[in-house]
Amino acid sequence: MAKNGINNSVAVGIAVQSDWDNRHFSSSLSLNVRRLFEFLLQFESSTRSKLATLNEKLTVLERQLEFLEAQFSTAINPV
């Protein structure tokens, strides 16, 4: 009977250790997913801002090009 009790204690100890390992793994996984999510949010925000700046610069360049094309066209074909 004492041997059976020891076996049960060992089995419970193994189960507790396994549960602890699983909880630790889940906690680590959750933390890493949170970090990844925060990184992606920051990356998206930074990228969106940089793209908006580039879009503004491109719009200015397009307007300048249209102006130069109009001047060039007028210089070649004066009215």
Protein backbone atom coordinates (compact mmCIF):
# COMPACT_ATOMS: atom_id res chain seq x y z
CA MET A 1 0.00 0.00 0.00
CA ALA A 2 2.87 2.41 0.80
CA LYS A 3 4.41 1.74 -2.60
CA ASN A 4 1.10 2.59 -4.29
CA GLY A 5 0.98 5.88 -2.36
CA ILE A 6 4.51 6.73 -3.48
CA ASN A 7 3.59 5.97 -7.09
CA ASN A 8 0.57 8.27 -6.78
CA SER A 9 2.74 11.01 -5.26
CA VAL A 10 5.25 10.64 -8.09
CA ALA A 11 2.45 10.71 -10.68
CA VAL A 12 0.97 13.83 -9.08
CA GLY A 13 4.41 15.44 -8.97
CA ILE A 14 4.96 14.67 -12.65
CA ALA A 15 1.51 16.03 -13.51
CA VAL A 16 2.17 19.22 -11.52
CA GLN A 17 5.56 19.69 -13.21
CA SER A 18 3.99 19.10 -16.62
CA ASP A 19 1.24 21.61 -15.83
CA TRP A 20 3.83 24.13 -14.66
CA ASP A 21 5.84 23.65 -17.86
CA ASN A 22 2.71 24.08 -19.99
CA ARG A 23 1.72 27.25 -18.14
CA HIS A 24 5.25 28.64 -18.50
CA PHE A 25 5.22 27.86 -22.23
CA SER A 26 1.78 29.46 -22.65
CA SER A 27 2.88 32.53 -20.74
CA SER A 28 6.05 32.88 -22.83
CA LEU A 29 4.10 32.39 -26.03
CA SER A 30 1.52 34.98 -24.99
CA LEU A 31 4.24 37.50 -24.13
CA ASN A 32 6.00 36.98 -27.46
CA VAL A 33 2.74 37.32 -29.40
CA ARG A 34 2.06 40.59 -27.56
CA ARG A 35 5.54 41.86 -28.41
CA LEU A 36 5.09 40.90 -32.05
CA PHE A 37 1.71 42.63 -32.17
CA GLU A 38 3.16 45.82 -30.63
CA PHE A 39 6.02 45.74 -33.13
CA LEU A 40 3.60 45.35 -36.03
CA LEU A 41 1.47 48.25 -34.80
CA GLN A 42 4.53 50.47 -34.49
CA PHE A 43 5.82 49.34 -37.91
CA GLU A 44 2.44 50.02 -39.52
CA SER A 45 2.25 53.48 -37.97
CA SER A 46 5.79 54.36 -39.01
CA THR A 47 5.29 53.02 -42.53
CA ARG A 48 1.99 54.85 -42.94
CA SER A 49 3.64 58.11 -41.87
CA LYS A 50 6.60 57.66 -44.22
CA LEU A 51 4.30 56.79 -47.13
CA ALA A 52 2.21 59.90 -46.46
CA THR A 53 5.36 62.04 -46.54
CA LEU A 54 6.49 60.42 -49.79
CA ASN A 55 3.04 60.94 -51.27
CA GLU A 56 3.19 64.66 -50.45
CA LYS A 57 6.63 64.96 -52.05
CA LEU A 58 5.46 63.08 -55.13
CA THR A 59 2.43 65.36 -55.46
CA VAL A 60 4.71 68.43 -55.34
CA LEU A 61 7.00 66.91 -57.98
CA GLU A 62 4.04 66.07 -60.22
CA ARG A 63 2.78 69.66 -60.01
CA GLN A 64 6.25 71.00 -60.80
CA LEU A 65 6.51 68.65 -63.78
CA GLU A 66 3.10 69.74 -65.09
CA PHE A 67 4.17 73.38 -64.74
CA LEU A 68 7.45 72.75 -66.58
CA GLU A 69 5.65 70.81 -69.33
CA ALA A 70 3.24 73.72 -69.77
CA GLN A 71 6.13 76.21 -69.95
CA PHE A 72 8.01 74.02 -72.42
CA SER A 73 4.93 73.57 -74.56
CA THR A 74 4.33 77.33 -74.57
CA ALA A 75 7.99 78.03 -75.41
CA ILE A 76 7.90 75.65 -78.40
CA ASN A 77 4.46 76.67 -79.65
CA PRO A 78 3.83 80.30 -78.67
CA VAL A 79 0.25 81.38 -79.13
